[in-house]
Protein backbone atom coordinates (compact mmCIF):
# COMPACT_ATOMS: atom_id res chain seq x y z
CA UNK A 1 37.65 -46.54 5.90
CA UNK A 2 40.65 -45.51 3.89
CA UNK A 3 40.86 -46.86 0.37
CA UNK A 4 43.58 -49.47 0.08
CA UNK A 5 44.96 -51.16 -2.96
CA UNK A 6 44.92 -54.86 -3.66
CA UNK A 7 48.26 -56.05 -4.90
CA UNK A 8 46.81 -58.02 -7.82
CA UNK A 9 43.12 -57.41 -8.64
CA UNK A 10 41.43 -60.49 -10.03
CA UNK A 11 39.41 -60.38 -13.25
CA UNK A 12 35.91 -59.10 -12.54
CA UNK A 13 33.02 -61.28 -13.75
CA UNK A 14 30.84 -59.98 -16.56
CA UNK A 15 27.98 -59.25 -14.16
CA UNK A 16 28.05 -58.84 -10.38
CA UNK A 17 24.50 -59.27 -9.10
CA UNK A 18 24.83 -57.36 -5.83
CA UNK A 19 26.47 -54.46 -7.68
CA UNK A 20 23.57 -54.35 -10.16
CA UNK A 21 21.04 -54.40 -7.30
CA UNK A 22 22.78 -51.54 -5.48
CA UNK A 23 23.03 -49.48 -8.65
CA UNK A 24 19.35 -50.03 -9.45
CA UNK A 25 18.37 -49.10 -5.90
CA UNK A 26 20.36 -45.88 -6.28
CA UNK A 27 18.53 -45.03 -9.52
CA UNK A 28 15.10 -45.67 -7.98
CA UNK A 29 16.00 -43.63 -4.90
CA UNK A 30 17.38 -40.73 -6.91
CA UNK A 31 14.03 -40.14 -8.57
CA UNK A 32 12.28 -40.31 -5.20
CA UNK A 33 14.18 -37.07 -4.48
CA UNK A 34 14.18 -35.52 -7.96
CA UNK A 35 10.45 -35.94 -8.53
CA UNK A 36 9.82 -33.05 -6.12
CA UNK A 37 11.89 -30.74 -8.31
CA UNK A 38 9.45 -31.51 -11.12
CA UNK A 39 6.29 -31.64 -9.01
CA UNK A 40 6.67 -28.53 -6.82
CA UNK A 41 7.89 -25.26 -8.32
CA UNK A 42 8.86 -23.94 -4.87
CA UNK A 43 11.76 -26.42 -4.85
CA UNK A 44 13.04 -24.82 -8.05
CA UNK A 45 12.58 -21.21 -6.96
CA UNK A 46 13.83 -21.81 -3.38
CA UNK A 47 10.58 -20.34 -2.06
CA UNK A 48 10.25 -23.42 0.15
CA UNK A 49 13.63 -22.72 1.75
CA UNK A 50 12.54 -19.14 2.39
CA UNK A 51 9.32 -20.29 4.08
CA UNK A 52 11.25 -22.86 6.12
CA UNK A 53 13.84 -20.39 7.40
CA UNK A 54 11.36 -17.60 8.19
CA UNK A 55 9.33 -19.78 10.55
CA UNK A 56 6.08 -19.52 8.59
CA UNK A 57 5.63 -23.27 8.08
CA UNK A 58 3.18 -25.01 10.38
CA UNK A 59 4.61 -27.73 12.67
CA UNK A 60 3.22 -30.56 10.54
CA UNK A 61 4.83 -29.23 7.33
CA UNK A 62 8.10 -28.68 9.16
CA UNK A 63 8.04 -32.24 10.51
CA UNK A 64 7.21 -33.69 7.07
CA UNK A 65 10.15 -31.79 5.58
CA UNK A 66 12.45 -33.20 8.27
CA UNK A 67 11.09 -36.73 7.78
CA UNK A 68 11.57 -36.63 4.01
CA UNK A 69 15.09 -35.26 4.37
CA UNK A 70 15.84 -37.92 7.00
CA UNK A 71 14.70 -40.75 4.73
CA UNK A 72 15.88 -39.56 1.32
CA UNK A 73 18.09 -36.49 1.18
CA UNK A 74 21.64 -37.30 0.14
CA UNK A 75 21.35 -41.05 0.70
CA UNK A 76 20.90 -42.09 -2.91
CA UNK A 77 23.15 -39.34 -4.26
CA UNK A 78 25.91 -40.84 -2.12
CA UNK A 79 24.95 -44.39 -3.12
CA UNK A 80 25.13 -43.45 -6.80
CA UNK A 81 28.65 -42.04 -6.29
CA UNK A 82 29.81 -45.13 -4.39
CA UNK A 83 28.48 -47.57 -6.98
CA UNK A 84 30.05 -45.41 -9.69
CA UNK A 85 33.39 -45.98 -7.97
CA UNK A 86 32.64 -49.69 -7.68
CA UNK A 87 31.97 -49.79 -11.42
CA UNK A 88 35.24 -48.01 -12.17
CA UNK A 89 37.19 -50.53 -10.08
CA UNK A 90 35.47 -53.44 -11.85
CA UNK A 91 36.37 -51.92 -15.22
CA UNK A 92 39.97 -51.44 -14.10
CA UNK A 93 40.23 -55.08 -13.00
CA UNK A 94 38.88 -56.27 -16.36
CA UNK A 95 41.26 -54.02 -18.27
CA UNK A 96 44.17 -55.33 -16.17
CA UNK A 97 43.15 -58.93 -16.83
CA UNK A 98 42.92 -58.34 -20.59
CA UNK A 99 46.15 -56.35 -20.78
CA UNK A 100 44.37 -53.26 -22.07
CA UNK A 101 45.58 -49.70 -21.65
CA UNK A 102 44.41 -47.90 -18.53
CA UNK A 103 43.17 -45.25 -18.12
CA UNK A 104 43.23 -44.30 -21.82
CA UNK A 105 40.12 -46.29 -22.64
CA UNK A 106 38.34 -45.00 -19.56
CA UNK A 107 39.13 -41.42 -20.52
CA UNK A 108 37.10 -41.93 -23.68
CA UNK A 109 34.31 -43.38 -21.56
CA UNK A 110 34.39 -40.38 -19.20
CA UNK A 111 34.36 -37.85 -22.05
CA UNK A 112 31.38 -39.63 -23.62
CA UNK A 113 29.58 -39.45 -20.27
CA UNK A 114 30.39 -35.74 -20.05
CA UNK A 115 28.74 -35.19 -23.44
CA UNK A 116 25.67 -37.23 -22.47
CA UNK A 117 25.43 -35.26 -19.22
CA UNK A 118 25.67 -31.94 -21.04
CA UNK A 119 22.84 -32.93 -23.40
CA UNK A 120 20.80 -34.12 -20.41
CA UNK A 121 21.39 -30.83 -18.58
CA UNK A 122 20.43 -28.62 -21.51
CA UNK A 123 17.43 -30.52 -22.82
CA UNK A 124 16.01 -32.35 -19.79
CA UNK A 125 17.08 -31.56 -16.22
CA UNK A 126 19.03 -28.72 -14.63
CA UNK A 127 20.19 -30.91 -11.70
CA UNK A 128 22.11 -33.43 -13.85
CA UNK A 129 24.88 -35.32 -12.00
CA UNK A 130 26.42 -37.16 -14.97
CA UNK A 131 28.76 -34.26 -15.72
CA UNK A 132 30.09 -34.39 -12.16
CA UNK A 133 30.76 -38.13 -12.44
CA UNK A 134 32.53 -37.63 -15.77
CA UNK A 135 34.90 -35.05 -14.28
CA UNK A 136 35.52 -37.22 -11.21
CA UNK A 137 36.17 -40.24 -13.44
CA UNK A 138 38.95 -38.35 -15.24
CA UNK A 139 40.57 -37.63 -11.86
CA UNK A 140 39.99 -41.01 -10.25
CA UNK A 141 40.85 -43.36 -13.14
CA UNK A 142 44.64 -42.91 -12.89
CA UNK A 143 44.46 -43.29 -9.10
CA UNK A 144 43.12 -46.83 -9.31
CA UNK A 145 46.55 -48.03 -10.51
CA UNK A 146 48.51 -46.05 -7.91
CA UNK A 147 49.95 -47.30 -4.58
CA UNK A 148 47.67 -47.36 -1.53
CA UNK A 149 49.40 -44.39 0.07
CA UNK A 150 48.63 -42.20 -2.95
CA UNK A 151 44.99 -43.26 -2.99
CA UNK A 152 44.69 -42.68 0.76
CA UNK A 153 46.18 -39.20 0.42
CA UNK A 154 43.76 -38.23 -2.35
CA UNK A 155 40.87 -39.66 -0.35
CA UNK A 156 41.75 -37.64 2.74
CA UNK A 157 42.31 -34.42 0.76
CA UNK A 158 39.00 -34.82 -1.08
CA UNK A 159 37.17 -35.63 2.15
CA UNK A 160 38.67 -32.62 3.95
CA UNK A 161 37.75 -30.27 1.09
CA UNK A 162 34.22 -31.68 1.03
CA UNK A 163 33.71 -31.26 4.78
CA UNK A 164 35.12 -27.72 4.81
CA UNK A 165 33.02 -26.68 1.83
CA UNK A 166 29.83 -28.16 3.28
CA UNK A 167 30.36 -26.46 6.65
CA UNK A 168 31.24 -23.14 5.00
CA UNK A 169 28.07 -23.18 2.89
CA UNK A 170 26.00 -24.18 5.92
CA UNK A 171 27.32 -21.25 7.99
CA UNK A 172 26.84 -18.85 5.07
CA UNK A 173 23.24 -19.99 4.59
CA UNK A 174 22.45 -19.56 8.28
CA UNK A 175 23.82 -16.01 8.25
CA UNK A 176 22.05 -15.24 4.96
CA UNK A 177 18.63 -16.33 6.18
CA UNK A 178 19.13 -14.70 9.59
CA UNK A 179 19.87 -11.31 8.04
CA UNK A 180 16.31 -10.68 6.76
CA UNK A 181 14.10 -9.54 5.29
CA UNK A 182 13.10 -12.81 3.67
CA UNK A 183 14.78 -13.21 0.27
CA UNK A 184 12.33 -13.68 -2.59
CA UNK A 185 12.80 -15.78 -5.76
CA UNK A 186 12.43 -12.72 -7.99
CA UNK A 187 15.46 -11.21 -6.23
CA UNK A 188 17.63 -13.92 -7.79
CA UNK A 189 18.46 -13.15 -11.44
CA UNK A 190 18.56 -16.85 -12.28
CA UNK A 191 15.02 -17.37 -10.99
CA UNK A 192 13.35 -14.04 -11.76
CA UNK A 193 12.31 -15.00 -15.29
CA UNK A 194 10.96 -18.34 -14.12
CA UNK A 195 8.62 -16.78 -11.54
CA UNK A 196 7.69 -13.46 -13.20
CA UNK A 197 7.69 -14.14 -16.96
CA UNK A 198 4.22 -13.21 -18.27
CA UNK A 199 2.28 -15.66 -20.39
CA UNK A 200 2.78 -19.42 -20.74
CA UNK A 201 6.20 -20.91 -20.06
CA UNK A 202 7.30 -23.06 -22.98
CA UNK A 203 9.98 -25.65 -23.57
CA UNK A 204 12.18 -23.18 -25.46
CA UNK A 205 11.91 -20.82 -22.48
CA UNK A 206 13.15 -23.69 -20.33
CA UNK A 207 16.17 -24.27 -22.56
CA UNK A 208 17.01 -20.58 -22.68
CA UNK A 209 16.63 -20.29 -18.91
CA UNK A 210 19.12 -23.10 -18.26
CA UNK A 211 21.62 -21.84 -20.83
CA UNK A 212 21.51 -18.27 -19.53
CA UNK A 213 22.23 -19.38 -15.97
CA UNK A 214 24.58 -22.30 -16.45
CA UNK A 215 26.82 -21.37 -13.51
CA UNK A 216 23.85 -21.02 -11.17
CA UNK A 217 22.53 -24.48 -12.01
CA UNK A 218 25.98 -26.09 -12.14
CA UNK A 219 27.16 -24.67 -8.80
CA UNK A 220 26.14 -27.74 -6.79
CA UNK A 221 27.48 -30.11 -9.45
CA UNK A 222 30.86 -28.37 -9.17
CA UNK A 223 30.77 -28.11 -5.39
CA UNK A 224 30.23 -31.84 -4.85
CA UNK A 225 33.27 -32.88 -6.93
CA UNK A 226 35.56 -33.37 -3.88
CA UNK A 227 32.93 -35.36 -1.98
CA UNK A 228 32.10 -37.44 -5.04
CA UNK A 229 35.79 -38.23 -5.55
CA UNK A 230 36.06 -39.41 -1.94
CA UNK A 231 32.99 -41.65 -2.34
CA UNK A 232 34.25 -43.03 -5.66
CA UNK A 233 37.50 -44.06 -3.93
CA UNK A 234 35.45 -45.68 -1.16
CA UNK A 235 33.50 -47.60 -3.80
CA UNK A 236 36.71 -48.82 -5.41
CA UNK A 237 37.97 -49.94 -1.99
CA UNK A 238 34.73 -51.86 -1.37
CA UNK A 239 35.28 -53.83 -4.58
CA UNK A 240 38.93 -54.59 -3.83
CA UNK A 241 38.11 -55.92 -0.39
CA UNK A 242 35.10 -57.82 -1.72
CA UNK A 243 33.22 -56.72 1.38
CA UNK A 244 29.90 -56.11 -0.38
CA UNK A 245 30.14 -57.98 -3.68
CA UNK A 246 31.80 -61.29 -2.77
CA UNK A 247 29.54 -63.43 -0.54
CA UNK A 248 32.37 -65.20 1.30
CA UNK A 249 34.70 -62.21 1.66
CA UNK A 250 35.03 -60.27 4.92
CA UNK A 251 31.64 -61.03 6.53
CA UNK A 252 32.89 -59.49 9.78
CA UNK A 253 33.85 -56.26 8.04
CA UNK A 254 30.48 -56.16 6.27
CA UNK A 255 28.68 -56.49 9.61
CA UNK A 256 30.92 -53.77 11.06
CA UNK A 257 30.14 -51.40 8.18
CA UNK A 258 26.44 -52.08 8.70
CA UNK A 259 26.58 -51.33 12.41
CA UNK A 260 28.79 -48.24 12.12
CA UNK A 261 26.75 -46.85 9.24
CA UNK A 262 23.55 -47.05 11.25
CA UNK A 263 25.06 -46.16 14.64
CA UNK A 264 26.62 -42.97 13.26
CA UNK A 265 24.34 -42.18 10.33
CA UNK A 266 20.96 -42.53 12.05
CA UNK A 267 21.62 -40.29 15.09
CA UNK A 268 23.38 -37.63 13.02
CA UNK A 269 20.54 -37.60 10.46
CA UNK A 270 18.05 -37.31 13.32
CA UNK A 271 19.49 -33.83 14.03
CA UNK A 272 16.83 -32.66 11.58
CA UNK A 273 14.13 -33.22 14.20
CA UNK A 274 15.70 -31.02 16.88
CA UNK A 275 14.12 -27.56 17.54
CA UNK A 276 16.68 -25.52 15.62
CA UNK A 277 16.18 -21.79 15.09
CA UNK A 278 14.34 -21.31 11.80
CA UNK A 279 17.25 -19.64 10.03
CA UNK A 280 19.41 -22.73 10.71
CA UNK A 281 17.03 -25.31 9.20
CA UNK A 282 18.34 -25.18 5.63
CA UNK A 283 21.91 -25.37 6.93
CA UNK A 284 21.15 -28.41 9.10
CA UNK A 285 19.49 -30.09 6.12
CA UNK A 286 22.61 -29.39 4.07
CA UNK A 287 24.92 -30.87 6.72
CA UNK A 288 22.78 -34.00 6.93
CA UNK A 289 22.63 -34.28 3.13
CA UNK A 290 26.37 -34.02 2.52
CA UNK A 291 28.03 -35.22 5.73
CA UNK A 292 25.69 -37.58 7.55
CA UNK A 293 23.90 -39.23 4.63
CA UNK A 294 27.00 -40.87 3.07
CA UNK A 295 27.77 -42.63 6.36
CA UNK A 296 24.22 -43.96 6.64
CA UNK A 297 24.35 -44.95 2.97
CA UNK A 298 27.29 -47.29 3.57
CA UNK A 299 25.27 -48.97 6.33
CA UNK A 300 22.28 -49.34 3.98
CA UNK A 301 24.46 -50.85 1.24
CA UNK A 302 25.93 -53.31 3.74
CA UNK A 303 22.40 -54.23 4.84
CA UNK A 304 21.39 -54.96 1.22
CA UNK A 305 24.48 -57.14 0.78
CA UNK A 306 23.71 -59.02 4.01
CA UNK A 307 20.08 -59.63 2.97
CA UNK A 308 21.10 -60.97 -0.44
CA UNK A 309 23.73 -63.19 1.15
CA UNK A 310 21.13 -64.61 3.56
CA UNK A 311 18.87 -65.38 0.60
CA UNK A 312 21.72 -67.16 -1.16
CA UNK A 313 22.43 -69.16 1.98
CA UNK A 314 18.79 -70.24 2.26
CA UNK A 315 17.99 -73.26 0.03
CA UNK A 316 14.75 -73.31 -1.91
CA UNK A 317 13.94 -76.78 -0.52
CA UNK A 318 15.14 -78.89 2.39
CA UNK A 319 14.68 -82.46 3.57
CA UNK A 320 12.98 -83.30 6.90
CA UNK A 321 16.29 -82.98 8.74
CA UNK A 322 16.75 -79.43 7.48
CA UNK A 323 19.62 -80.22 5.10
CA UNK A 324 19.41 -78.32 1.80
CA UNK A 325 18.26 -80.38 -1.17
CA UNK A 326 17.91 -77.67 -3.79
CA UNK A 327 19.52 -74.50 -5.12
CA UNK A 328 19.40 -71.20 -3.20
CA UNK A 329 16.16 -69.25 -3.14
CA UNK A 330 15.84 -67.09 -6.25
CA UNK A 331 15.55 -63.29 -6.16
CA UNK A 332 12.14 -61.75 -5.64
CA UNK A 333 10.42 -59.13 -7.79
CA UNK A 334 11.99 -56.10 -6.09
CA UNK A 335 15.51 -57.54 -6.17
CA UNK A 336 15.10 -58.50 -9.83
CA UNK A 337 13.72 -55.08 -10.74
CA UNK A 338 16.64 -53.35 -8.99
CA UNK A 339 19.16 -55.61 -10.74
CA UNK A 340 17.60 -55.00 -14.16
CA UNK A 341 17.47 -51.24 -13.67
CA UNK A 342 21.06 -51.37 -12.40
CA UNK A 343 22.17 -53.02 -15.62
CA UNK A 344 20.43 -50.21 -17.56
CA UNK A 345 21.30 -47.47 -15.07
CA UNK A 346 22.23 -44.75 -17.56
CA UNK A 347 19.17 -45.39 -19.72
CA UNK A 348 16.86 -45.45 -16.69
CA UNK A 349 18.41 -42.32 -15.13
CA UNK A 350 17.67 -40.30 -18.25
CA UNK A 351 14.30 -42.00 -18.77
CA UNK A 352 13.02 -41.11 -15.30
CA UNK A 353 13.88 -37.44 -15.75
CA UNK A 354 12.34 -37.37 -19.22
CA UNK A 355 9.17 -38.86 -17.72
CA UNK A 356 9.25 -36.18 -15.00
CA UNK A 357 9.53 -33.51 -17.68
CA UNK A 358 6.63 -34.98 -19.69
CA UNK A 359 4.35 -35.35 -16.70
CA UNK A 360 4.89 -32.19 -14.70
CA UNK A 361 6.11 -29.30 -16.83
CA UNK A 362 3.48 -26.62 -17.67
CA UNK A 363 4.09 -26.96 -21.40
CA UNK A 364 3.48 -30.74 -21.35
CA UNK A 365 1.62 -32.76 -18.70
CA UNK A 366 1.14 -29.64 -16.57
CA UNK A 367 0.87 -31.50 -13.26
CA UNK A 368 3.33 -29.20 -11.47
CA UNK A 369 1.83 -27.70 -8.26
CA UNK A 370 -1.47 -29.50 -8.98
CA UNK A 371 -1.05 -32.75 -7.04
CA UNK A 372 -1.16 -33.41 -3.28
CA UNK A 373 1.78 -35.24 -1.79
CA UNK A 374 0.04 -38.63 -1.83
CA UNK A 375 -0.67 -38.29 -5.56
CA UNK A 376 2.98 -37.39 -6.19
CA UNK A 377 4.02 -40.62 -4.48
CA UNK A 378 1.56 -42.51 -6.70
CA UNK A 379 3.21 -40.96 -9.76
CA UNK A 380 6.59 -41.95 -8.31
CA UNK A 381 5.42 -45.57 -8.02
CA UNK A 382 4.13 -45.50 -11.61
CA UNK A 383 7.48 -44.16 -12.87
CA UNK A 384 9.31 -46.90 -10.94
CA UNK A 385 7.13 -49.53 -12.64
CA UNK A 386 7.85 -47.89 -16.01
CA UNK A 387 11.61 -48.00 -15.33
CA UNK A 388 11.41 -51.69 -14.42
CA UNK A 389 9.51 -52.34 -17.65
CA UNK A 390 12.01 -50.35 -19.74
CA UNK A 391 14.92 -52.25 -18.20
CA UNK A 392 13.25 -55.65 -18.66
CA UNK A 393 12.43 -54.89 -22.30
CA UNK A 394 15.94 -53.60 -23.01
CA UNK A 395 17.64 -56.61 -21.46
CA UNK A 396 15.31 -59.03 -23.20
CA UNK A 397 15.78 -57.46 -26.61
CA UNK A 398 19.33 -56.05 -26.55
CA UNK A 399 20.98 -57.46 -23.38
CA UNK A 400 21.68 -53.84 -22.29
CA UNK A 401 20.10 -50.41 -22.34
CA UNK A 402 20.36 -48.33 -25.54
CA UNK A 403 22.43 -45.63 -23.85
CA UNK A 404 24.71 -48.27 -22.35
CA UNK A 405 25.33 -49.54 -25.88
CA UNK A 406 26.11 -46.02 -27.07
CA UNK A 407 28.40 -45.39 -24.10
CA UNK A 408 30.22 -48.69 -24.60
CA UNK A 409 30.72 -47.99 -28.31
CA UNK A 410 32.24 -44.60 -27.49
CA UNK A 411 34.72 -46.25 -25.12
CA UNK A 412 35.58 -49.23 -27.34
CA UNK A 413 39.26 -50.25 -26.88
CA UNK A 414 41.77 -49.83 -29.67
CA UNK A 415 42.58 -52.77 -31.90
CA UNK A 416 46.14 -52.89 -30.48
CA UNK A 417 45.83 -52.32 -26.74
CA UNK A 418 48.83 -51.18 -24.78
CA UNK A 419 49.48 -53.56 -21.90
CA UNK A 420 48.72 -52.14 -18.49
CA UNK A 421 51.55 -52.59 -15.98
CA UNK A 422 50.62 -54.47 -12.82
CA UNK A 423 49.69 -52.29 -9.84
CA UNK A 424 52.37 -51.46 -7.29
CA UNK A 425 52.69 -53.76 -4.33
CA UNK A 426 51.20 -52.54 -1.05
């Protein structure tokens, strides 16, 4: 799947329903992973990784870890990157249709996102990904107007760097955990204060902790830049081909992406369930998260597109002969909720992490390390409902989320746009 360039992108419609659904699904799925960072302190201190690699987990806990990683780990992170690339391509097509400068306007948009991400990192969540997307957007925006060979070259370079980096970190982790004795959280300067600080841990301690160890908490965000760039270019390619967003475009290719995504992604993700030596378990999880999950994600996105297309093809009513007599069946509650959250993706991404902070941190809701797994999933469901309500309210009152309005204002085009030259012919 090499990104290719359409010779003359058509103007993108104001809203693309399938794109909104996919983006909302990515936001919902992201919190299904991130909630454990809030709910279980061992995920923050890496004590869980230590227990996993030293063979002290019972078989049931080890299986549950593998099952959760199989279902969630990396899938929605990859989906978020792909839909981010789809959004960039849609913006480029609109700018081209209106004769606006590109990528000058998008550079303002990316810098605004970088600022929002920095505020989010400092005040809310140490695993922020917005800063990564902002940096990738600055790199990828000029590429969208380049010839297909240039885009393909950047895609392959980014993919190769991502694979090499992921494999290198996996091998290093396996050797690190095999060396023994078991590393402890207090041995890590970035985590020592979090696990040994006497007295109550307050919000100001949290801020100071993140600021003192910025490089530690930004290491993953920096390391995934090549992989995110590759996925962003894949997302742009998916829009240009219309394979996921345009109902009548490339149905055969959509089916092929679905089959390949599942045929490659499912077996490679199932490597988690093999009886690996304990010191390899974190490394296998990392390989699945960063190498296998994106492949499976493309299959999942194709499946969502196929399901929505089948709904659109199914009329709400039919006469006795089976001929359609009414409009297509409307979206259900889940599809509508995903679409609404997708339209307010930035607002809902920050809102879910703020809710996690309010509910779980010891200086606020204080639910961290107090809930069994089933209760954590109940909280997850409640947060999902809250996100759907926030998105519905925002769209009803303002037609967009408040942060979307702020972001759009920061990237407003100049009063005298510079015409964008047409893209090079393939």
